[in-house]
Amino acid sequence: MKTLPPQAKLLDPGEECTIAYVNGHALFADQEHRWCATTDASGGGEPVVCTVTAPISLTPIDLAVILYHWGTDYEDLAADDTVRTLIAEAVINWGSRHLADLRAELRASPPSGADARFWAYCHQRATTVFSTTPQAPHQGQPPVRAPRSTHGVVR
């Protein structure tokens, strides 16, 4: 019989998120497939626990592309935990194919004007937040729930 890891017990029953470690920082990340599985009566099935322990490496451009396409604003990206959460949720929910499509879209139609300034800010925030050497996950560290804005999310 499989049991949930101790960290998962911190979640409220029915909450559609998981704990992700981003550069050693524990945080809650929403999982779209769990939300769909619990709200889709057509047989999405029960959510299961799947732990991925292999590190995932992203370039600074990948990180900036993710932040740029979330549809947030300057204020949202000012908090390091929010930046980490957006990155974790993108990796969990989007997958590498979607990320490659976003990079290609950005190359084909580079931002200009105010969008170019926001792109530069996304790149700067990604570089700042992820400029340190990754830490090992600290198991005793409680996960952080990053504050979320009321802005829509581009997915």
N, C-alpha and C. Protein backbone atom coordinates (compact mmCIF):
# COMPACT_ATOMS: atom_id res chain seq x y z
N MET A 1 0.84 -1.18 0.00
CA MET A 1 0.00 0.00 0.00
C MET A 1 0.88 1.24 0.00
N LYS A 2 0.59 2.18 -0.88
CA LYS A 2 1.37 3.41 -0.96
C LYS A 2 0.80 4.44 0.00
N THR A 3 1.69 5.21 0.60
CA THR A 3 1.24 6.27 1.49
C THR A 3 1.74 7.60 0.97
N LEU A 4 1.04 8.66 1.34
CA LEU A 4 1.45 10.00 0.95
C LEU A 4 2.70 10.39 1.71
N PRO A 5 3.59 11.15 1.08
CA PRO A 5 4.74 11.66 1.82
C PRO A 5 4.25 12.61 2.91
N PRO A 6 5.01 12.76 4.00
CA PRO A 6 4.57 13.61 5.11
C PRO A 6 4.22 15.03 4.67
N GLN A 7 4.94 15.58 3.68
CA GLN A 7 4.67 16.94 3.24
C GLN A 7 3.26 17.07 2.68
N ALA A 8 2.74 16.04 2.02
CA ALA A 8 1.43 16.12 1.39
C ALA A 8 0.32 16.28 2.43
N LYS A 9 0.58 15.83 3.65
CA LYS A 9 -0.43 15.94 4.69
C LYS A 9 -0.64 17.39 5.13
N LEU A 10 0.22 18.30 4.71
CA LEU A 10 0.04 19.71 5.02
C LEU A 10 -1.08 20.33 4.20
N LEU A 11 -1.47 19.66 3.13
CA LEU A 11 -2.50 20.20 2.25
C LEU A 11 -3.88 19.92 2.81
N ASP A 12 -4.80 20.85 2.59
CA ASP A 12 -6.18 20.63 2.97
C ASP A 12 -6.78 19.58 2.05
N PRO A 13 -7.70 18.75 2.56
CA PRO A 13 -8.33 17.75 1.69
C PRO A 13 -8.99 18.43 0.49
N GLY A 14 -8.78 17.87 -0.68
CA GLY A 14 -9.39 18.40 -1.89
C GLY A 14 -8.62 19.55 -2.52
N GLU A 15 -7.55 20.00 -1.90
CA GLU A 15 -6.79 21.10 -2.50
C GLU A 15 -5.97 20.56 -3.65
N GLU A 16 -6.02 21.26 -4.77
CA GLU A 16 -5.42 20.75 -6.00
C GLU A 16 -4.00 21.27 -6.19
N CYS A 17 -3.13 20.99 -5.26
CA CYS A 17 -1.75 21.44 -5.43
C CYS A 17 -0.79 20.42 -4.85
N THR A 18 0.45 20.65 -5.08
CA THR A 18 1.49 19.76 -4.60
C THR A 18 2.62 20.62 -4.05
N ILE A 19 3.58 19.98 -3.45
CA ILE A 19 4.75 20.70 -2.95
C ILE A 19 5.87 20.51 -3.98
N ALA A 20 6.43 21.61 -4.41
CA ALA A 20 7.55 21.58 -5.35
C ALA A 20 8.75 22.24 -4.67
N TYR A 21 9.92 21.75 -4.98
CA TYR A 21 11.16 22.36 -4.50
C TYR A 21 11.82 23.06 -5.67
N VAL A 22 11.93 24.37 -5.60
CA VAL A 22 12.53 25.16 -6.66
C VAL A 22 13.79 25.79 -6.09
N ASN A 23 14.93 25.34 -6.57
CA ASN A 23 16.23 25.77 -6.05
C ASN A 23 16.31 25.60 -4.54
N GLY A 24 15.69 24.54 -4.03
CA GLY A 24 15.73 24.23 -2.62
C GLY A 24 14.65 24.89 -1.79
N HIS A 25 13.83 25.74 -2.39
CA HIS A 25 12.75 26.41 -1.68
C HIS A 25 11.46 25.61 -1.85
N ALA A 26 10.85 25.21 -0.74
CA ALA A 26 9.60 24.46 -0.79
C ALA A 26 8.44 25.44 -0.99
N LEU A 27 7.55 25.09 -1.93
CA LEU A 27 6.39 25.94 -2.18
C LEU A 27 5.24 25.10 -2.71
N PHE A 28 4.03 25.62 -2.58
CA PHE A 28 2.86 24.96 -3.12
C PHE A 28 2.71 25.34 -4.59
N ALA A 29 2.39 24.37 -5.43
CA ALA A 29 2.17 24.61 -6.85
C ALA A 29 0.86 23.95 -7.26
N ASP A 30 0.02 24.69 -7.95
CA ASP A 30 -1.25 24.14 -8.44
C ASP A 30 -0.99 23.12 -9.54
N GLN A 31 -1.82 22.09 -9.57
CA GLN A 31 -1.72 21.07 -10.60
C GLN A 31 -3.03 21.03 -11.37
N GLU A 32 -3.00 21.45 -12.62
CA GLU A 32 -4.22 21.50 -13.42
C GLU A 32 -4.85 20.13 -13.58
N HIS A 33 -4.04 19.11 -13.76
CA HIS A 33 -4.61 17.78 -14.00
C HIS A 33 -5.37 17.27 -12.78
N ARG A 34 -4.94 17.67 -11.57
CA ARG A 34 -5.68 17.26 -10.37
C ARG A 34 -7.00 18.01 -10.29
N TRP A 35 -7.00 19.29 -10.67
CA TRP A 35 -8.24 20.04 -10.66
C TRP A 35 -9.23 19.43 -11.64
N CYS A 36 -8.75 19.11 -12.83
CA CYS A 36 -9.63 18.52 -13.84
C CYS A 36 -10.14 17.16 -13.39
N ALA A 37 -9.28 16.38 -12.75
CA ALA A 37 -9.68 15.03 -12.33
C ALA A 37 -10.77 15.08 -11.27
N THR A 38 -10.75 16.09 -10.41
CA THR A 38 -11.75 16.14 -9.34
C THR A 38 -13.00 16.89 -9.74
N THR A 39 -12.97 17.64 -10.83
CA THR A 39 -14.16 18.40 -11.24
C THR A 39 -14.79 17.85 -12.50
N ASP A 40 -14.11 16.97 -13.19
CA ASP A 40 -14.62 16.42 -14.44
C ASP A 40 -15.33 15.11 -14.16
N ALA A 41 -16.65 15.11 -14.28
CA ALA A 41 -17.43 13.91 -13.98
C ALA A 41 -17.31 12.86 -15.08
N SER A 42 -16.63 13.19 -16.18
CA SER A 42 -16.54 12.24 -17.29
C SER A 42 -15.51 11.15 -17.06
N GLY A 43 -15.00 11.05 -15.85
CA GLY A 43 -14.10 9.94 -15.56
C GLY A 43 -12.64 10.32 -15.55
N GLY A 44 -12.31 11.51 -15.11
CA GLY A 44 -10.91 11.91 -15.01
C GLY A 44 -10.14 11.03 -14.05
N GLY A 45 -10.85 10.39 -13.14
CA GLY A 45 -10.21 9.48 -12.21
C GLY A 45 -9.72 10.19 -10.97
N GLU A 46 -9.30 9.40 -10.01
CA GLU A 46 -8.78 9.95 -8.76
C GLU A 46 -7.34 10.42 -8.96
N PRO A 47 -6.98 11.54 -8.34
CA PRO A 47 -5.60 11.99 -8.42
C PRO A 47 -4.68 10.97 -7.72
N VAL A 48 -3.49 10.84 -8.22
CA VAL A 48 -2.51 9.94 -7.61
C VAL A 48 -1.26 10.73 -7.27
N VAL A 49 -0.44 10.17 -6.42
CA VAL A 49 0.81 10.82 -6.05
C VAL A 49 1.90 10.31 -6.98
N CYS A 50 2.59 11.22 -7.61
CA CYS A 50 3.73 10.88 -8.47
C CYS A 50 4.86 11.82 -8.10
N THR A 51 5.95 11.29 -7.65
CA THR A 51 7.07 12.12 -7.22
C THR A 51 8.16 12.08 -8.28
N VAL A 52 8.56 13.25 -8.74
CA VAL A 52 9.65 13.37 -9.70
C VAL A 52 10.82 13.98 -8.94
N THR A 53 11.91 13.23 -8.85
CA THR A 53 13.05 13.72 -8.08
C THR A 53 14.21 14.17 -8.94
N ALA A 54 14.13 13.95 -10.24
CA ALA A 54 15.21 14.37 -11.12
C ALA A 54 15.18 15.89 -11.27
N PRO A 55 16.35 16.51 -11.23
CA PRO A 55 16.36 17.97 -11.41
C PRO A 55 15.97 18.34 -12.85
N ILE A 56 15.31 19.46 -12.98
CA ILE A 56 14.94 19.99 -14.29
C ILE A 56 15.68 21.30 -14.46
N SER A 57 16.46 21.40 -15.51
CA SER A 57 17.25 22.60 -15.75
C SER A 57 16.62 23.45 -16.84
N LEU A 58 16.52 24.74 -16.58
CA LEU A 58 15.99 25.68 -17.55
C LEU A 58 17.01 26.80 -17.75
N THR A 59 17.09 27.32 -18.95
CA THR A 59 17.99 28.44 -19.23
C THR A 59 17.35 29.73 -18.72
N PRO A 60 18.14 30.78 -18.56
CA PRO A 60 17.54 32.07 -18.18
C PRO A 60 16.48 32.53 -19.17
N ILE A 61 16.66 32.23 -20.45
CA ILE A 61 15.65 32.60 -21.45
C ILE A 61 14.38 31.80 -21.22
N ASP A 62 14.50 30.50 -20.93
CA ASP A 62 13.32 29.68 -20.62
C ASP A 62 12.55 30.28 -19.45
N LEU A 63 13.27 30.65 -18.40
CA LEU A 63 12.64 31.22 -17.22
C LEU A 63 11.92 32.52 -17.56
N ALA A 64 12.57 33.37 -18.34
CA ALA A 64 11.97 34.65 -18.72
C ALA A 64 10.74 34.44 -19.59
N VAL A 65 10.80 33.48 -20.51
CA VAL A 65 9.65 33.18 -21.37
C VAL A 65 8.46 32.75 -20.51
N ILE A 66 8.71 31.91 -19.52
CA ILE A 66 7.64 31.46 -18.63
C ILE A 66 7.02 32.65 -17.91
N LEU A 67 7.86 33.48 -17.31
CA LEU A 67 7.33 34.63 -16.56
C LEU A 67 6.56 35.58 -17.48
N TYR A 68 7.09 35.81 -18.67
CA TYR A 68 6.46 36.73 -19.62
C TYR A 68 5.06 36.25 -20.02
N HIS A 69 4.91 34.96 -20.21
CA HIS A 69 3.65 34.42 -20.71
C HIS A 69 2.62 34.13 -19.63
N TRP A 70 2.93 34.40 -18.38
CA TRP A 70 1.96 34.14 -17.32
C TRP A 70 0.88 35.21 -17.27
N GLY A 71 1.06 36.34 -17.90
CA GLY A 71 0.04 37.37 -17.87
C GLY A 71 -0.04 38.10 -16.54
N THR A 72 1.09 38.23 -15.88
CA THR A 72 1.16 38.92 -14.60
C THR A 72 1.61 40.36 -14.84
N ASP A 73 2.00 41.05 -13.76
CA ASP A 73 2.51 42.40 -13.92
C ASP A 73 3.76 42.58 -13.06
N TYR A 74 4.30 43.78 -13.07
CA TYR A 74 5.54 44.07 -12.35
C TYR A 74 5.41 43.74 -10.86
N GLU A 75 4.28 44.14 -10.29
CA GLU A 75 4.08 43.94 -8.85
C GLU A 75 4.08 42.45 -8.48
N ASP A 76 3.42 41.63 -9.31
CA ASP A 76 3.38 40.19 -9.04
C ASP A 76 4.77 39.57 -9.02
N LEU A 77 5.61 40.01 -9.94
CA LEU A 77 6.94 39.41 -10.07
C LEU A 77 7.96 39.97 -9.09
N ALA A 78 7.55 40.91 -8.26
CA ALA A 78 8.48 41.49 -7.29
C ALA A 78 8.81 40.52 -6.17
N ALA A 79 7.94 39.56 -5.89
CA ALA A 79 8.16 38.59 -4.81
C ALA A 79 8.86 37.34 -5.37
N ASP A 80 9.99 36.99 -4.77
CA ASP A 80 10.75 35.82 -5.22
C ASP A 80 9.91 34.54 -5.17
N ASP A 81 9.10 34.37 -4.10
CA ASP A 81 8.28 33.16 -3.99
C ASP A 81 7.26 33.07 -5.12
N THR A 82 6.73 34.20 -5.56
CA THR A 82 5.78 34.19 -6.67
C THR A 82 6.49 33.77 -7.95
N VAL A 83 7.70 34.28 -8.17
CA VAL A 83 8.47 33.89 -9.36
C VAL A 83 8.73 32.39 -9.34
N ARG A 84 9.15 31.86 -8.19
CA ARG A 84 9.41 30.41 -8.09
C ARG A 84 8.14 29.60 -8.34
N THR A 85 7.01 30.07 -7.79
CA THR A 85 5.75 29.35 -7.96
C THR A 85 5.33 29.34 -9.42
N LEU A 86 5.43 30.46 -10.10
CA LEU A 86 5.06 30.50 -11.52
C LEU A 86 5.92 29.55 -12.35
N ILE A 87 7.21 29.50 -12.03
CA ILE A 87 8.11 28.59 -12.75
C ILE A 87 7.71 27.14 -12.48
N ALA A 88 7.47 26.80 -11.20
CA ALA A 88 7.10 25.43 -10.84
C ALA A 88 5.79 25.02 -11.53
N GLU A 89 4.79 25.90 -11.48
CA GLU A 89 3.51 25.56 -12.09
C GLU A 89 3.62 25.41 -13.60
N ALA A 90 4.46 26.21 -14.22
CA ALA A 90 4.66 26.07 -15.67
C ALA A 90 5.31 24.74 -16.01
N VAL A 91 6.33 24.36 -15.25
CA VAL A 91 7.01 23.08 -15.50
C VAL A 91 6.04 21.92 -15.28
N ILE A 92 5.25 22.00 -14.21
CA ILE A 92 4.32 20.92 -13.89
C ILE A 92 3.19 20.83 -14.91
N ASN A 93 2.64 21.97 -15.31
CA ASN A 93 1.42 21.97 -16.11
C ASN A 93 1.62 22.13 -17.61
N TRP A 94 2.65 22.84 -18.03
CA TRP A 94 2.81 23.15 -19.44
C TRP A 94 3.56 22.08 -20.21
N GLY A 95 4.65 21.60 -19.66
CA GLY A 95 5.48 20.64 -20.36
C GLY A 95 6.45 21.31 -21.32
N SER A 96 7.42 20.56 -21.76
CA SER A 96 8.49 21.12 -22.59
C SER A 96 8.01 21.52 -23.98
N ARG A 97 7.02 20.83 -24.52
CA ARG A 97 6.52 21.17 -25.86
C ARG A 97 5.89 22.56 -25.86
N HIS A 98 5.09 22.86 -24.85
CA HIS A 98 4.45 24.18 -24.76
C HIS A 98 5.51 25.27 -24.58
N LEU A 99 6.51 24.99 -23.76
CA LEU A 99 7.59 25.95 -23.55
C LEU A 99 8.35 26.22 -24.85
N ALA A 100 8.60 25.18 -25.63
CA ALA A 100 9.26 25.35 -26.93
C ALA A 100 8.40 26.19 -27.87
N ASP A 101 7.09 25.97 -27.84
CA ASP A 101 6.17 26.77 -28.66
C ASP A 101 6.21 28.24 -28.26
N LEU A 102 6.26 28.52 -26.95
CA LEU A 102 6.32 29.90 -26.48
C LEU A 102 7.62 30.58 -26.90
N ARG A 103 8.74 29.85 -26.82
CA ARG A 103 10.02 30.42 -27.27
C ARG A 103 9.97 30.74 -28.75
N ALA A 104 9.42 29.83 -29.55
CA ALA A 104 9.32 30.04 -31.00
C ALA A 104 8.41 31.24 -31.30
N GLU A 105 7.32 31.35 -30.57
CA GLU A 105 6.40 32.47 -30.77
C GLU A 105 7.09 33.80 -30.46
N LEU A 106 7.88 33.81 -29.41
CA LEU A 106 8.59 35.04 -29.03
C LEU A 106 9.66 35.40 -30.06
N ARG A 107 10.35 34.40 -30.62
CA ARG A 107 11.35 34.66 -31.67
C ARG A 107 10.69 35.19 -32.93
N ALA A 108 9.52 34.64 -33.26
CA ALA A 108 8.82 35.05 -34.48
C ALA A 108 8.23 36.45 -34.35
N SER A 109 7.83 36.82 -33.15
CA SER A 109 7.22 38.13 -32.94
C SER A 109 7.77 38.74 -31.65
N PRO A 110 8.97 39.32 -31.72
CA PRO A 110 9.59 39.89 -30.52
C PRO A 110 8.75 41.04 -29.95
N PRO A 111 8.72 41.15 -28.63
CA PRO A 111 7.95 42.23 -28.03
C PRO A 111 8.55 43.60 -28.34
N SER A 112 7.70 44.61 -28.38
CA SER A 112 8.18 45.98 -28.61
C SER A 112 7.47 46.91 -27.63
N GLY A 113 7.99 48.10 -27.48
CA GLY A 113 7.38 49.11 -26.62
C GLY A 113 7.29 48.66 -25.17
N ALA A 114 6.10 48.80 -24.58
CA ALA A 114 5.88 48.42 -23.18
C ALA A 114 6.09 46.93 -22.98
N ASP A 115 5.73 46.11 -23.97
CA ASP A 115 5.94 44.67 -23.87
C ASP A 115 7.43 44.33 -23.81
N ALA A 116 8.24 45.06 -24.54
CA ALA A 116 9.70 44.83 -24.52
C ALA A 116 10.27 45.18 -23.15
N ARG A 117 9.75 46.24 -22.54
CA ARG A 117 10.20 46.60 -21.19
C ARG A 117 9.80 45.52 -20.18
N PHE A 118 8.58 44.98 -20.33
CA PHE A 118 8.15 43.92 -19.43
C PHE A 118 8.97 42.65 -19.66
N TRP A 119 9.28 42.32 -20.92
CA TRP A 119 10.14 41.19 -21.23
C TRP A 119 11.49 41.34 -20.54
N ALA A 120 12.08 42.53 -20.61
CA ALA A 120 13.37 42.78 -19.96
C ALA A 120 13.25 42.60 -18.45
N TYR A 121 12.14 43.05 -17.88
CA TYR A 121 11.92 42.89 -16.44
C TYR A 121 11.80 41.41 -16.07
N CYS A 122 11.06 40.64 -16.88
CA CYS A 122 10.94 39.20 -16.64
C CYS A 122 12.31 38.53 -16.67
N HIS A 123 13.13 38.91 -17.64
CA HIS A 123 14.48 38.35 -17.75
C HIS A 123 15.31 38.73 -16.52
N GLN A 124 15.21 39.98 -16.11
CA GLN A 124 15.96 40.46 -14.94
C GLN A 124 15.52 39.71 -13.68
N ARG A 125 14.20 39.53 -13.48
CA ARG A 125 13.70 38.83 -12.29
C ARG A 125 14.13 37.37 -12.30
N ALA A 126 14.05 36.72 -13.46
CA ALA A 126 14.46 35.33 -13.55
C ALA A 126 15.94 35.20 -13.22
N THR A 127 16.75 36.09 -13.75
CA THR A 127 18.19 36.06 -13.49
C THR A 127 18.48 36.31 -12.02
N THR A 128 17.77 37.25 -11.41
CA THR A 128 17.99 37.57 -10.00
C THR A 128 17.58 36.41 -9.09
N VAL A 129 16.40 35.88 -9.29
CA VAL A 129 15.89 34.83 -8.41
C VAL A 129 16.68 33.54 -8.55
N PHE A 130 17.14 33.24 -9.76
CA PHE A 130 17.82 31.97 -9.99
C PHE A 130 19.33 32.12 -10.20
N SER A 131 19.90 33.20 -9.68
CA SER A 131 21.34 33.42 -9.86
C SER A 131 22.18 32.65 -8.84
N THR A 132 21.56 32.17 -7.79
CA THR A 132 22.32 31.44 -6.77
C THR A 132 22.39 29.96 -7.11
N THR A 133 23.36 29.30 -6.56
CA THR A 133 23.49 27.85 -6.73
C THR A 133 22.31 27.17 -6.05
N PRO A 134 21.67 26.22 -6.72
CA PRO A 134 20.53 25.55 -6.10
C PRO A 134 20.91 24.92 -4.76
N GLN A 135 20.00 25.02 -3.81
CA GLN A 135 20.19 24.40 -2.51
C GLN A 135 19.51 23.04 -2.52
N ALA A 136 19.97 22.15 -1.65
CA ALA A 136 19.27 20.88 -1.49
C ALA A 136 17.95 21.16 -0.78
N PRO A 137 16.89 20.44 -1.14
CA PRO A 137 15.62 20.67 -0.45
C PRO A 137 15.78 20.45 1.05
N HIS A 138 15.28 21.37 1.80
CA HIS A 138 15.33 21.27 3.25
C HIS A 138 14.00 20.70 3.71
N GLN A 139 13.98 19.45 4.13
CA GLN A 139 12.74 18.76 4.46
C GLN A 139 11.99 19.39 5.62
N GLY A 140 12.67 20.07 6.53
CA GLY A 140 11.99 20.66 7.67
C GLY A 140 11.38 22.02 7.36
N GLN A 141 11.68 22.56 6.21
CA GLN A 141 11.20 23.88 5.82
C GLN A 141 9.74 23.79 5.37
N PRO A 142 8.84 24.56 5.98
CA PRO A 142 7.44 24.49 5.55
C PRO A 142 7.27 25.11 4.16
N PRO A 143 6.39 24.52 3.35
CA PRO A 143 6.16 25.09 2.02
C PRO A 143 5.56 26.48 2.10
N VAL A 144 5.85 27.28 1.11
CA VAL A 144 5.37 28.66 1.03
C VAL A 144 4.22 28.71 0.03
N ARG A 145 3.18 29.42 0.38
CA ARG A 145 2.11 29.69 -0.58
C ARG A 145 2.32 31.11 -1.05
N ALA A 146 2.75 31.25 -2.29
CA ALA A 146 3.04 32.57 -2.84
C ALA A 146 1.74 33.35 -2.98
N PRO A 147 1.80 34.65 -2.69
CA PRO A 147 0.58 35.46 -2.89
C PRO A 147 0.25 35.50 -4.38
N ARG A 148 -1.03 35.44 -4.69
CA ARG A 148 -1.46 35.47 -6.09
C ARG A 148 -2.22 36.75 -6.36
N SER A 149 -2.07 37.23 -7.55
CA SER A 149 -2.79 38.44 -7.95
C SER A 149 -4.18 38.05 -8.45
N THR A 150 -4.96 39.05 -8.74
CA THR A 150 -6.30 38.80 -9.29
C THR A 150 -6.26 38.77 -10.81
N HIS A 151 -5.06 38.88 -11.37
CA HIS A 151 -4.93 38.88 -12.84
C HIS A 151 -5.17 37.48 -13.39
N GLY A 152 -5.61 37.44 -14.62
CA GLY A 152 -5.81 36.16 -15.29
C GLY A 152 -4.49 35.49 -15.59
N VAL A 153 -4.56 34.25 -15.90
CA VAL A 153 -3.38 33.46 -16.18
C VAL A 153 -3.45 32.97 -17.62
N VAL A 154 -2.35 33.10 -18.32
CA VAL A 154 -2.27 32.62 -19.70
C VAL A 154 -1.75 31.21 -19.66
N ARG A 155 -2.53 30.26 -20.14
CA ARG A 155 -2.08 28.87 -20.13
C ARG A 155 -2.35 28.24 -21.46
